[in-house]
N, C-alpha and C. Protein backbone atom coordinates (compact mmCIF):
# COMPACT_ATOMS: atom_id res chain seq x y z
N UNK A 1 -119.93 -1.27 -79.97
CA UNK A 1 -121.11 -1.33 -78.85
C UNK A 1 -120.56 0.29 -79.31
N UNK A 2 -121.66 1.27 -78.76
CA UNK A 2 -121.36 2.40 -78.41
C UNK A 2 -121.39 2.65 -77.61
N UNK A 3 -120.42 3.77 -76.82
CA UNK A 3 -120.31 4.60 -75.53
C UNK A 3 -120.71 5.81 -75.54
N UNK A 4 -121.62 5.63 -74.54
CA UNK A 4 -121.41 7.08 -74.34
C UNK A 4 -121.22 7.62 -72.98
N UNK A 5 -120.46 8.95 -72.95
CA UNK A 5 -119.71 9.96 -72.20
C UNK A 5 -120.59 10.75 -71.79
N UNK A 6 -121.11 10.78 -70.85
CA UNK A 6 -121.88 12.53 -70.24
C UNK A 6 -121.29 13.23 -68.82
N UNK A 7 -121.25 14.54 -69.49
CA UNK A 7 -120.80 15.52 -68.29
C UNK A 7 -121.50 16.77 -68.16
N UNK A 8 -121.54 17.02 -66.35
CA UNK A 8 -122.49 17.07 -66.03
C UNK A 8 -122.17 19.64 -66.36
N UNK A 9 -121.61 19.42 -67.69
CA UNK A 9 -120.98 21.09 -68.17
C UNK A 9 -121.60 21.76 -67.52
N UNK A 10 -123.25 22.18 -67.11
CA UNK A 10 -123.52 23.18 -66.11
C UNK A 10 -123.34 23.15 -64.74
N UNK A 11 -123.19 22.00 -64.26
CA UNK A 11 -123.16 22.57 -62.55
C UNK A 11 -121.16 23.08 -62.75
N UNK A 12 -120.33 22.04 -63.97
CA UNK A 12 -119.09 22.10 -63.53
C UNK A 12 -118.88 23.27 -63.95
N UNK A 13 -119.30 23.79 -64.93
CA UNK A 13 -119.01 25.43 -65.45
C UNK A 13 -119.81 26.39 -63.93
N UNK A 14 -120.45 25.54 -63.27
CA UNK A 14 -121.14 26.08 -61.71
C UNK A 14 -119.94 26.37 -60.95
N UNK A 15 -118.50 25.68 -61.46
CA UNK A 15 -118.23 25.10 -59.87
C UNK A 15 -117.28 26.28 -60.53
N UNK A 16 -116.82 26.17 -61.06
CA UNK A 16 -115.90 26.77 -61.58
C UNK A 16 -115.72 27.81 -61.38
N UNK A 17 -116.01 28.51 -61.91
CA UNK A 17 -117.37 30.32 -61.51
C UNK A 17 -117.28 30.49 -60.06
N UNK A 18 -118.15 29.48 -59.03
CA UNK A 18 -117.34 29.93 -57.97
C UNK A 18 -115.46 29.43 -57.28
N UNK A 19 -114.70 28.82 -57.90
CA UNK A 19 -113.48 29.21 -57.35
C UNK A 19 -113.02 29.78 -58.02
N UNK A 20 -113.72 30.87 -59.44
CA UNK A 20 -112.92 31.32 -59.43
C UNK A 20 -112.59 33.29 -59.02
N UNK A 21 -114.23 33.10 -58.08
CA UNK A 21 -114.37 34.11 -57.36
C UNK A 21 -113.76 33.90 -56.19
N UNK A 22 -113.02 32.68 -55.89
CA UNK A 22 -113.02 32.76 -54.40
C UNK A 22 -110.70 32.49 -54.80
N UNK A 23 -110.83 32.77 -55.93
CA UNK A 23 -108.81 32.61 -56.54
C UNK A 23 -108.90 33.91 -55.27
N UNK A 24 -109.45 35.55 -55.22
CA UNK A 24 -108.34 36.37 -54.43
C UNK A 24 -108.06 35.61 -53.52
N UNK A 25 -109.31 35.63 -52.77
CA UNK A 25 -109.00 34.45 -51.33
C UNK A 25 -108.03 33.57 -51.20
N UNK A 26 -107.70 32.69 -51.91
CA UNK A 26 -106.94 32.22 -52.32
C UNK A 26 -105.87 32.42 -52.37
N UNK A 27 -105.08 33.34 -52.77
CA UNK A 27 -104.15 34.50 -53.10
C UNK A 27 -103.54 34.95 -51.76
N UNK A 28 -104.75 35.24 -50.95
CA UNK A 28 -105.05 36.00 -49.87
C UNK A 28 -104.26 35.13 -48.48
N UNK A 29 -104.75 33.46 -48.93
CA UNK A 29 -103.97 33.02 -48.11
C UNK A 29 -103.17 32.32 -47.90
N UNK A 30 -102.35 32.05 -49.84
CA UNK A 30 -100.98 31.57 -49.25
C UNK A 30 -99.81 33.53 -48.91
N UNK A 31 -100.25 33.93 -49.27
CA UNK A 31 -99.26 35.24 -48.81
C UNK A 31 -99.26 35.33 -47.47
N UNK A 32 -100.27 34.71 -47.03
CA UNK A 32 -100.70 35.68 -45.62
C UNK A 32 -99.39 34.48 -45.06
N UNK A 33 -100.16 33.00 -45.47
CA UNK A 33 -98.78 32.08 -44.74
C UNK A 33 -97.18 32.64 -45.01
N UNK A 34 -97.49 32.49 -45.88
CA UNK A 34 -95.63 32.51 -46.62
C UNK A 34 -95.39 33.76 -45.98
N UNK A 35 -96.42 34.32 -45.56
CA UNK A 35 -95.46 35.82 -44.54
C UNK A 35 -95.79 35.28 -43.31
N UNK A 36 -95.57 34.85 -42.49
CA UNK A 36 -96.21 34.26 -41.20
C UNK A 36 -94.98 33.35 -40.90
N UNK A 37 -94.51 32.42 -42.09
CA UNK A 37 -93.55 31.34 -42.01
C UNK A 37 -92.01 32.05 -41.88
N UNK A 38 -91.89 33.53 -42.57
CA UNK A 38 -90.70 34.24 -42.78
C UNK A 38 -89.91 34.61 -41.39
N UNK A 39 -90.65 34.84 -40.42
CA UNK A 39 -89.91 35.01 -38.52
C UNK A 39 -89.22 32.94 -38.84
N UNK A 40 -89.71 32.44 -39.08
CA UNK A 40 -89.28 31.01 -38.98
C UNK A 40 -87.68 31.35 -39.88
N UNK A 41 -87.66 31.70 -40.71
CA UNK A 41 -86.71 31.79 -41.85
C UNK A 41 -86.06 32.06 -40.93
N UNK A 42 -86.12 34.27 -40.37
CA UNK A 42 -85.59 34.81 -40.19
C UNK A 42 -84.89 34.54 -38.95
N UNK A 43 -84.96 33.37 -37.76
CA UNK A 43 -84.82 32.89 -37.11
C UNK A 43 -83.13 32.16 -37.10
N UNK A 44 -84.11 31.16 -38.51
CA UNK A 44 -82.59 30.32 -39.03
C UNK A 44 -81.59 30.99 -39.57
N UNK A 45 -82.17 31.76 -40.20
CA UNK A 45 -80.28 32.54 -40.58
C UNK A 45 -79.77 33.26 -39.28
N UNK A 46 -80.71 34.14 -38.18
CA UNK A 46 -79.84 34.22 -37.66
C UNK A 46 -79.27 33.82 -36.68
N UNK A 47 -79.50 32.07 -36.46
CA UNK A 47 -78.87 31.17 -35.48
C UNK A 47 -77.58 31.00 -36.05
N UNK A 48 -77.44 30.79 -37.99
CA UNK A 48 -76.36 30.59 -38.37
C UNK A 48 -75.11 31.31 -38.07
N UNK A 49 -75.66 32.05 -37.49
CA UNK A 49 -74.26 33.05 -37.10
C UNK A 49 -74.17 33.05 -36.19
N UNK A 50 -75.89 32.95 -34.87
CA UNK A 50 -75.18 32.88 -33.14
C UNK A 50 -75.27 31.65 -32.42
N UNK A 51 -74.31 31.52 -31.70
CA UNK A 51 -74.24 30.58 -30.64
C UNK A 51 -75.88 30.11 -30.22
N UNK A 52 -77.29 30.22 -30.79
CA UNK A 52 -78.20 30.35 -29.82
C UNK A 52 -79.48 29.44 -30.62
N UNK A 53 -80.26 28.79 -30.27
CA UNK A 53 -81.43 28.16 -30.42
C UNK A 53 -82.41 29.49 -30.95
N UNK A 54 -83.27 28.50 -32.64
CA UNK A 54 -84.21 29.34 -32.44
C UNK A 54 -85.79 30.11 -31.75
N UNK A 55 -85.32 28.75 -30.76
CA UNK A 55 -86.74 28.92 -29.63
C UNK A 55 -86.33 30.43 -29.05
N UNK A 56 -84.74 30.75 -28.63
CA UNK A 56 -84.05 31.43 -27.50
C UNK A 56 -84.13 33.02 -29.07
N UNK A 57 -84.36 33.32 -30.25
CA UNK A 57 -84.06 34.24 -31.24
C UNK A 57 -84.95 34.87 -30.69
N UNK A 58 -86.18 33.88 -31.53
CA UNK A 58 -87.57 34.13 -31.51
C UNK A 58 -88.37 35.17 -30.74
N UNK A 59 -88.25 35.27 -29.83
CA UNK A 59 -88.81 36.73 -28.74
C UNK A 59 -88.15 37.92 -29.22
N UNK A 60 -86.62 38.30 -30.09
CA UNK A 60 -86.52 39.47 -29.73
C UNK A 60 -86.53 39.13 -31.15
N UNK A 61 -87.07 38.82 -32.06
CA UNK A 61 -87.55 38.67 -33.34
C UNK A 61 -88.70 39.89 -32.78
N UNK A 62 -88.57 40.87 -33.85
CA UNK A 62 -89.69 42.24 -33.78
C UNK A 62 -90.32 42.50 -35.20
N UNK A 63 -91.10 41.36 -35.23
CA UNK A 63 -91.79 40.67 -36.44
C UNK A 63 -93.18 41.73 -36.86
N UNK A 64 -93.53 42.27 -37.60
CA UNK A 64 -95.25 42.24 -37.90
C UNK A 64 -95.60 42.46 -39.25
N UNK A 65 -96.79 40.75 -38.97
CA UNK A 65 -96.98 40.59 -40.43
C UNK A 65 -98.70 41.72 -40.55
N UNK A 66 -98.81 41.27 -42.14
CA UNK A 66 -100.36 42.75 -42.16
C UNK A 66 -100.50 42.32 -43.62
N UNK A 67 -101.95 42.20 -43.75
CA UNK A 67 -102.52 42.39 -44.94
C UNK A 67 -102.80 42.62 -45.62
N UNK A 68 -102.71 43.52 -46.79
CA UNK A 68 -102.85 44.39 -47.32
C UNK A 68 -103.61 43.94 -48.82
N UNK A 69 -105.28 44.52 -48.57
CA UNK A 69 -106.16 44.27 -49.83
C UNK A 69 -106.54 42.70 -50.00
N UNK A 70 -106.63 42.72 -50.62
CA UNK A 70 -107.50 41.01 -50.26
C UNK A 70 -106.25 39.88 -50.77
N UNK A 71 -105.35 40.30 -51.79
CA UNK A 71 -104.26 39.23 -51.76
C UNK A 71 -102.92 39.55 -51.66
N UNK A 72 -102.72 40.90 -50.67
CA UNK A 72 -100.85 40.77 -50.63
C UNK A 72 -100.83 40.49 -48.74
N UNK A 73 -99.73 39.60 -48.78
CA UNK A 73 -99.32 40.73 -47.20
C UNK A 73 -98.32 41.31 -46.83
N UNK A 74 -97.93 41.83 -46.10
CA UNK A 74 -96.08 42.16 -45.87
C UNK A 74 -95.77 41.38 -44.00
N UNK A 75 -94.14 41.78 -44.48
CA UNK A 75 -93.74 40.92 -43.27
C UNK A 75 -92.89 42.39 -43.52
N UNK A 76 -92.38 42.48 -41.90
CA UNK A 76 -91.39 43.65 -41.32
C UNK A 76 -90.74 43.45 -40.17
N UNK A 77 -89.48 43.54 -40.43
CA UNK A 77 -88.70 42.43 -39.36
C UNK A 77 -87.87 44.95 -38.46
N UNK A 78 -88.81 44.96 -37.55
CA UNK A 78 -87.88 45.71 -36.94
C UNK A 78 -86.50 45.81 -36.34
N UNK A 79 -86.35 47.24 -35.89
CA UNK A 79 -84.52 46.93 -35.52
C UNK A 79 -85.14 46.22 -33.76
N UNK A 80 -84.29 45.82 -33.42
CA UNK A 80 -84.28 44.65 -31.69
C UNK A 80 -83.73 44.96 -30.61
N UNK A 81 -84.27 44.87 -28.77
CA UNK A 81 -83.20 45.58 -28.46
C UNK A 81 -81.77 43.74 -28.59
N UNK A 82 -80.82 44.78 -27.87
CA UNK A 82 -79.08 43.53 -28.02
C UNK A 82 -79.69 43.17 -26.94
N UNK A 83 -79.23 41.30 -27.12
CA UNK A 83 -79.27 40.38 -26.16
C UNK A 83 -78.63 40.22 -24.98
N UNK A 84 -79.30 39.84 -24.06
CA UNK A 84 -78.57 39.53 -22.48
C UNK A 84 -77.27 38.88 -22.90
N UNK A 85 -76.24 38.53 -21.86
CA UNK A 85 -75.36 36.99 -22.27
C UNK A 85 -75.59 36.35 -21.59
N UNK A 86 -76.84 36.11 -21.03
CA UNK A 86 -77.23 34.86 -19.98
C UNK A 86 -77.63 34.35 -21.26
N UNK A 87 -77.76 34.44 -22.56
CA UNK A 87 -78.45 33.65 -23.39
C UNK A 87 -77.05 33.20 -24.09
N UNK A 88 -76.16 33.14 -24.04
CA UNK A 88 -74.95 32.61 -24.28
C UNK A 88 -73.74 32.13 -23.93
N UNK A 89 -74.44 31.00 -22.92
CA UNK A 89 -74.31 29.89 -22.38
C UNK A 89 -72.76 30.66 -21.00
N UNK A 90 -73.28 32.01 -20.33
CA UNK A 90 -72.13 31.77 -19.62
C UNK A 90 -71.80 31.01 -18.81
N UNK A 91 -70.35 31.08 -18.21
CA UNK A 91 -69.58 29.87 -17.67
C UNK A 91 -68.80 31.16 -16.74
N UNK A 92 -69.04 30.57 -15.21
CA UNK A 92 -68.27 31.63 -14.65
C UNK A 92 -67.27 30.82 -13.81
N UNK A 93 -65.78 31.94 -14.04
CA UNK A 93 -64.13 30.78 -14.03
C UNK A 93 -63.83 31.78 -13.26
N UNK A 94 -61.75 31.07 -12.21
CA UNK A 94 -61.87 31.56 -11.58
C UNK A 94 -61.41 33.07 -11.79
N UNK A 95 -61.18 33.60 -13.26
CA UNK A 95 -60.71 35.16 -13.49
C UNK A 95 -62.08 35.32 -14.33
N UNK A 96 -63.55 35.37 -14.18
CA UNK A 96 -64.34 36.06 -15.11
C UNK A 96 -65.30 35.00 -15.61
N UNK A 97 -65.98 35.77 -16.45
CA UNK A 97 -67.09 34.88 -17.22
C UNK A 97 -66.77 35.06 -18.58
N UNK A 98 -66.93 33.49 -18.72
CA UNK A 98 -66.97 33.14 -20.60
C UNK A 98 -68.23 33.59 -21.00
N UNK A 99 -68.17 33.24 -22.72
CA UNK A 99 -69.17 33.20 -23.61
C UNK A 99 -69.00 33.45 -24.61
N UNK A 100 -70.56 32.86 -25.35
CA UNK A 100 -70.15 31.86 -26.72
C UNK A 100 -70.65 33.13 -27.82
N UNK A 101 -70.67 33.91 -27.97
CA UNK A 101 -71.68 34.67 -29.03
C UNK A 101 -71.88 34.49 -31.01
N UNK A 102 -70.35 34.50 -31.16
CA UNK A 102 -70.65 33.29 -33.02
C UNK A 102 -70.12 32.06 -32.56
N UNK A 103 -70.64 31.09 -33.73
CA UNK A 103 -70.45 29.88 -33.69
C UNK A 103 -69.26 29.90 -34.57
N UNK A 104 -68.91 30.99 -35.79
CA UNK A 104 -67.39 30.62 -35.85
C UNK A 104 -66.35 31.07 -35.05
N UNK A 105 -66.00 32.23 -34.07
CA UNK A 105 -64.79 32.44 -33.53
C UNK A 105 -65.83 31.24 -31.98
N UNK A 106 -64.42 31.91 -30.78
CA UNK A 106 -64.49 31.26 -30.00
C UNK A 106 -64.83 31.77 -28.55
N UNK A 107 -65.41 31.19 -27.58
CA UNK A 107 -65.37 31.58 -26.36
C UNK A 107 -64.95 32.72 -25.89
N UNK A 108 -65.36 34.34 -25.85
CA UNK A 108 -64.74 35.38 -24.83
C UNK A 108 -64.49 35.72 -24.28
N UNK A 109 -63.88 36.22 -22.70
CA UNK A 109 -64.63 35.73 -21.13
C UNK A 109 -63.85 37.71 -21.09
N UNK A 110 -65.04 37.86 -19.97
CA UNK A 110 -64.41 39.73 -18.97
C UNK A 110 -63.77 39.23 -17.87
N UNK A 111 -63.03 39.85 -16.97
CA UNK A 111 -62.76 39.67 -16.44
C UNK A 111 -63.38 39.86 -15.22
N UNK A 112 -63.17 39.89 -14.16
CA UNK A 112 -64.05 40.43 -12.44
C UNK A 112 -65.12 39.35 -12.91
N UNK A 113 -65.97 39.04 -13.81
CA UNK A 113 -67.10 39.23 -14.14
C UNK A 113 -67.68 37.79 -13.55
N UNK A 114 -68.98 38.32 -12.53
CA UNK A 114 -69.13 37.21 -11.62
C UNK A 114 -70.72 36.64 -12.46
N UNK A 115 -71.39 35.77 -11.67
CA UNK A 115 -72.99 35.00 -11.90
C UNK A 115 -73.23 35.23 -10.35
N UNK A 116 -72.76 34.58 -9.41
CA UNK A 116 -73.02 33.80 -8.23
C UNK A 116 -71.67 34.11 -7.43
N UNK A 117 -71.60 33.87 -6.65
CA UNK A 117 -70.76 33.78 -5.15
C UNK A 117 -69.29 33.11 -5.66
N UNK A 118 -69.48 31.63 -6.57
CA UNK A 118 -68.32 31.00 -6.69
C UNK A 118 -68.59 30.07 -8.37
N UNK A 119 -67.82 29.81 -9.21
CA UNK A 119 -67.44 28.86 -10.09
C UNK A 119 -68.27 28.31 -9.87
N UNK A 120 -69.65 27.57 -10.82
CA UNK A 120 -70.03 26.33 -11.14
C UNK A 120 -71.48 26.74 -10.36
N UNK A 121 -71.59 28.30 -9.53
CA UNK A 121 -72.69 28.22 -8.37
C UNK A 121 -73.50 29.88 -9.34
N UNK A 122 -75.40 29.55 -9.63
CA UNK A 122 -75.41 30.97 -9.88
C UNK A 122 -76.01 31.50 -9.01
N UNK A 123 -76.25 32.72 -8.55
CA UNK A 123 -77.37 33.24 -8.09
C UNK A 123 -78.23 33.33 -8.46
N UNK A 124 -79.66 32.74 -7.85
CA UNK A 124 -80.73 32.70 -8.42
C UNK A 124 -81.28 34.48 -8.30
N UNK A 125 -81.35 35.43 -7.37
CA UNK A 125 -81.38 36.46 -7.65
C UNK A 125 -80.59 36.98 -8.58
N UNK A 126 -79.63 36.49 -9.15
CA UNK A 126 -78.56 37.63 -10.28
C UNK A 126 -80.03 37.50 -11.76
N UNK A 127 -80.54 36.47 -11.39
CA UNK A 127 -80.45 36.31 -13.05
C UNK A 127 -81.04 35.70 -13.59
N UNK A 128 -79.67 35.01 -13.07
CA UNK A 128 -78.60 34.39 -14.59
C UNK A 128 -77.57 35.18 -15.56
N UNK A 129 -77.69 36.49 -15.17
CA UNK A 129 -77.37 36.89 -15.95
C UNK A 129 -74.94 37.50 -15.97
N UNK A 130 -74.82 38.16 -16.37
CA UNK A 130 -73.69 38.32 -15.75
C UNK A 130 -73.43 40.07 -15.10
N UNK A 131 -72.26 39.75 -14.32
CA UNK A 131 -72.31 41.30 -13.68
C UNK A 131 -70.34 42.07 -13.20
N UNK A 132 -70.96 43.10 -13.33
CA UNK A 132 -69.50 43.37 -12.46
C UNK A 132 -69.43 44.16 -11.20
N UNK A 133 -68.64 44.30 -10.83
CA UNK A 133 -69.19 44.94 -9.30
C UNK A 133 -68.19 46.77 -9.84
N UNK A 134 -69.00 47.36 -9.57
CA UNK A 134 -68.19 49.55 -9.53
C UNK A 134 -67.70 49.25 -7.83
N UNK A 135 -66.83 50.95 -7.75
CA UNK A 135 -66.86 51.26 -6.37
C UNK A 135 -65.25 50.09 -6.00
N UNK A 136 -65.98 50.73 -4.60
CA UNK A 136 -64.55 50.26 -4.16
C UNK A 136 -65.45 49.49 -2.67
N UNK A 137 -65.19 48.42 -2.15
CA UNK A 137 -65.89 47.71 -1.15
C UNK A 137 -65.42 47.96 -0.10
N UNK A 138 -66.88 48.05 0.84
CA UNK A 138 -67.09 48.56 2.20
C UNK A 138 -66.90 47.97 3.12
N UNK A 139 -65.81 47.79 4.22
CA UNK A 139 -65.72 47.46 5.39
C UNK A 139 -66.96 46.66 5.76
N UNK A 140 -67.10 46.10 6.77
CA UNK A 140 -67.80 46.46 7.79
C UNK A 140 -67.84 47.15 8.63
N UNK A 141 -68.91 48.27 8.89
CA UNK A 141 -68.86 49.20 9.29
C UNK A 141 -68.32 50.71 9.60
N UNK A 142 -67.59 50.31 7.87
CA UNK A 142 -66.75 51.43 7.96
C UNK A 142 -67.74 52.12 6.86
N UNK A 143 -67.28 53.69 7.17
CA UNK A 143 -68.30 54.59 6.43
C UNK A 143 -67.82 54.14 4.99
N UNK A 144 -68.13 55.34 4.43
CA UNK A 144 -68.26 55.67 3.04
C UNK A 144 -69.08 54.79 1.66
N UNK A 145 -68.70 54.43 0.73
CA UNK A 145 -69.70 54.18 -0.48
C UNK A 145 -69.29 52.83 -0.49
N UNK A 146 -70.88 52.40 -0.80
CA UNK A 146 -70.95 50.46 -0.61
C UNK A 146 -70.58 50.14 -1.92
N UNK A 147 -69.95 49.38 -2.62
CA UNK A 147 -69.79 48.93 -3.45
C UNK A 147 -70.95 48.45 -4.11
N UNK A 148 -70.99 48.72 -5.40
CA UNK A 148 -72.53 48.63 -6.00
C UNK A 148 -71.88 47.69 -7.21
N UNK A 149 -72.75 46.73 -8.30
CA UNK A 149 -73.23 45.83 -8.96
C UNK A 149 -73.73 46.46 -10.11
N UNK A 150 -73.22 46.61 -11.54
CA UNK A 150 -73.76 46.51 -12.17
C UNK A 150 -74.11 45.66 -13.48
N UNK A 151 -74.48 45.07 -14.79
CA UNK A 151 -75.24 44.31 -15.25
C UNK A 151 -73.94 44.29 -16.55
N UNK A 152 -72.62 42.98 -16.78
CA UNK A 152 -72.03 43.32 -17.91
C UNK A 152 -72.56 43.41 -19.12
N UNK A 153 -71.96 44.43 -20.19
CA UNK A 153 -72.36 44.21 -21.47
C UNK A 153 -73.75 43.82 -21.72
N UNK A 154 -73.64 43.67 -23.28
CA UNK A 154 -75.05 43.01 -23.49
C UNK A 154 -74.62 42.18 -25.02
N UNK A 155 -75.26 41.04 -25.42
CA UNK A 155 -75.13 40.75 -27.06
C UNK A 155 -75.52 41.76 -28.33
N UNK A 156 -75.17 40.82 -29.50
CA UNK A 156 -75.94 41.16 -30.49
C UNK A 156 -77.24 41.54 -30.21
N UNK A 157 -78.51 42.55 -31.23
CA UNK A 157 -79.12 42.11 -31.33
C UNK A 157 -79.79 41.19 -32.57
N UNK A 158 -80.71 40.57 -32.92
CA UNK A 158 -80.95 40.07 -34.09
C UNK A 158 -81.26 40.55 -35.13
N UNK A 159 -81.88 41.74 -34.91
CA UNK A 159 -82.42 42.81 -36.02
C UNK A 159 -80.67 42.78 -36.58
N UNK A 160 -80.02 43.06 -35.58
CA UNK A 160 -78.17 43.57 -36.20
C UNK A 160 -77.49 42.77 -37.20
N UNK A 161 -77.95 41.57 -36.69
CA UNK A 161 -76.98 40.27 -37.33
C UNK A 161 -77.45 39.99 -38.88
N UNK A 162 -79.07 40.32 -38.56
CA UNK A 162 -79.66 39.83 -40.09
C UNK A 162 -79.50 41.16 -40.90
N UNK A 163 -78.73 42.58 -40.66
CA UNK A 163 -78.94 43.06 -41.36
C UNK A 163 -77.09 43.33 -41.76
N UNK A 164 -76.18 43.06 -41.25
CA UNK A 164 -74.60 43.36 -40.91
C UNK A 164 -74.89 41.96 -41.77
N UNK A 165 -75.48 40.72 -41.52
CA UNK A 165 -74.69 39.43 -42.51
C UNK A 165 -75.44 39.72 -43.92
N UNK A 166 -76.33 40.36 -44.29
CA UNK A 166 -77.18 40.84 -45.38
C UNK A 166 -77.98 39.45 -46.07
N UNK A 167 -78.14 39.09 -44.77
CA UNK A 167 -79.95 38.29 -45.30
C UNK A 167 -80.87 38.41 -46.11
N UNK A 168 -81.13 39.63 -46.24
CA UNK A 168 -82.18 39.66 -47.16
C UNK A 168 -82.74 38.49 -48.10
N UNK A 169 -81.35 38.85 -49.19
CA UNK A 169 -81.50 37.92 -50.64
C UNK A 169 -81.67 37.02 -49.82
N UNK A 170 -81.08 36.07 -49.06
CA UNK A 170 -81.36 34.74 -49.04
C UNK A 170 -82.85 35.09 -48.62
N UNK A 171 -83.08 34.97 -47.98
CA UNK A 171 -84.94 35.46 -47.04
C UNK A 171 -85.69 36.01 -48.12
N UNK A 172 -85.30 36.58 -49.24
CA UNK A 172 -86.14 37.25 -50.38
C UNK A 172 -86.61 35.36 -51.30
N UNK A 173 -85.48 34.20 -51.39
CA UNK A 173 -85.34 33.10 -52.12
C UNK A 173 -86.03 32.22 -51.49
N UNK A 174 -85.87 32.38 -50.12
CA UNK A 174 -87.05 31.18 -49.12
C UNK A 174 -87.90 31.51 -49.35
N UNK A 175 -88.68 33.24 -49.02
CA UNK A 175 -90.05 33.16 -49.22
C UNK A 175 -90.71 32.59 -50.64
N UNK A 176 -89.97 32.83 -51.71
CA UNK A 176 -90.35 32.53 -52.76
C UNK A 176 -90.54 30.97 -53.16
N UNK A 177 -89.61 30.38 -52.68
CA UNK A 177 -90.20 28.90 -52.49
C UNK A 177 -91.64 28.36 -51.71
N UNK A 178 -91.04 29.10 -50.75
CA UNK A 178 -91.77 28.59 -49.29
C UNK A 178 -93.57 29.77 -50.04
N UNK A 179 -93.73 30.52 -50.42
CA UNK A 179 -95.20 31.16 -51.59
C UNK A 179 -95.16 29.94 -52.83
N UNK A 180 -93.96 29.30 -53.73
CA UNK A 180 -94.70 28.56 -54.72
C UNK A 180 -95.48 27.02 -54.14
N UNK A 181 -94.81 27.26 -52.42
CA UNK A 181 -95.32 25.35 -51.93
C UNK A 181 -96.56 26.18 -51.22
N UNK A 182 -96.91 27.01 -51.01
CA UNK A 182 -98.38 27.63 -50.60
C UNK A 182 -99.70 27.31 -51.67
N UNK A 183 -99.03 27.63 -53.03
CA UNK A 183 -99.34 28.01 -53.96
C UNK A 183 -100.02 27.19 -54.72
N UNK A 184 -99.13 25.68 -54.30
CA UNK A 184 -99.66 24.03 -54.84
C UNK A 184 -100.43 24.03 -53.58
N UNK A 185 -100.06 24.29 -53.04
CA UNK A 185 -101.39 23.28 -51.79
C UNK A 185 -102.82 23.46 -51.77
N UNK A 186 -102.71 24.57 -52.41
CA UNK A 186 -104.33 25.26 -52.26
C UNK A 186 -104.73 25.60 -53.60
N UNK A 187 -103.89 24.59 -54.46
CA UNK A 187 -104.36 24.30 -56.01
C UNK A 187 -105.21 23.37 -55.43
N UNK A 188 -104.24 22.21 -54.85
CA UNK A 188 -104.56 20.45 -54.79
C UNK A 188 -106.06 20.79 -54.03
N UNK A 189 -106.37 21.79 -52.73
CA UNK A 189 -106.80 21.59 -52.01
C UNK A 189 -108.18 21.62 -53.28
N UNK A 190 -108.19 23.14 -53.95
CA UNK A 190 -109.38 23.59 -55.42
C UNK A 190 -109.54 22.55 -55.83
N UNK A 191 -108.55 21.79 -56.26
CA UNK A 191 -108.81 20.85 -57.30
C UNK A 191 -109.06 19.54 -56.90
N UNK A 192 -109.73 19.52 -55.47
CA UNK A 192 -110.20 18.33 -54.49
C UNK A 192 -111.82 18.43 -54.41
N UNK A 193 -111.79 20.05 -55.08
CA UNK A 193 -113.40 20.56 -54.62
C UNK A 193 -114.11 20.72 -55.36
N UNK A 194 -113.40 20.41 -56.30
CA UNK A 194 -114.22 20.19 -57.83
C UNK A 194 -114.29 18.74 -58.29
N UNK A 195 -116.14 18.14 -57.93
CA UNK A 195 -116.92 17.29 -58.54
C UNK A 195 -115.90 16.86 -59.70
N UNK A 196 -116.13 15.44 -59.37
CA UNK A 196 -115.55 14.42 -60.78
C UNK A 196 -114.40 14.87 -61.44
N UNK A 197 -113.22 16.32 -60.57
CA UNK A 197 -112.00 15.54 -60.96
C UNK A 197 -111.04 15.50 -60.24
N UNK A 198 -110.11 13.70 -60.57
CA UNK A 198 -109.08 13.50 -59.62
C UNK A 198 -107.47 13.86 -60.33
């Protein structure tokens, strides 16, 4: 019994031509999504060193994603400001304020620093930051300088941690893996668009 197999070659060729024309657009989508994912990768690499979460780190990452032509995208990490010590779990003790910056190190302490009127109490008007007193305390009604306070130091910048820890090589590997993943996903979507191909 003869079996006849017919294929709408003209229709299939037309579909394939349309998909071929859309390849630059698909590659643009792949590189753009990969560049956007880079922010999470950088945040993760920084939190491997610092005792903070990605949610805390991300606002301090000055990143720019930019489309370059139809098929390329770029990801640029700019130098960022140093983070306040309030992000590093500061605790006021009887001798000052302790904090933890590195996951590999212990807590450090700033003698005589404070966050509120006493240990365990944070003054809302001080914003959760760590402060130090400057100058001599002024007695009530006495002439002379009043005591001033200043913010005590600062933690590292995410940019500095990323650069000093030489994370760029690991990031390149992650981005290549992400690009392969994104490309496989776009090819799957393209395949679903071709009629009669499963």
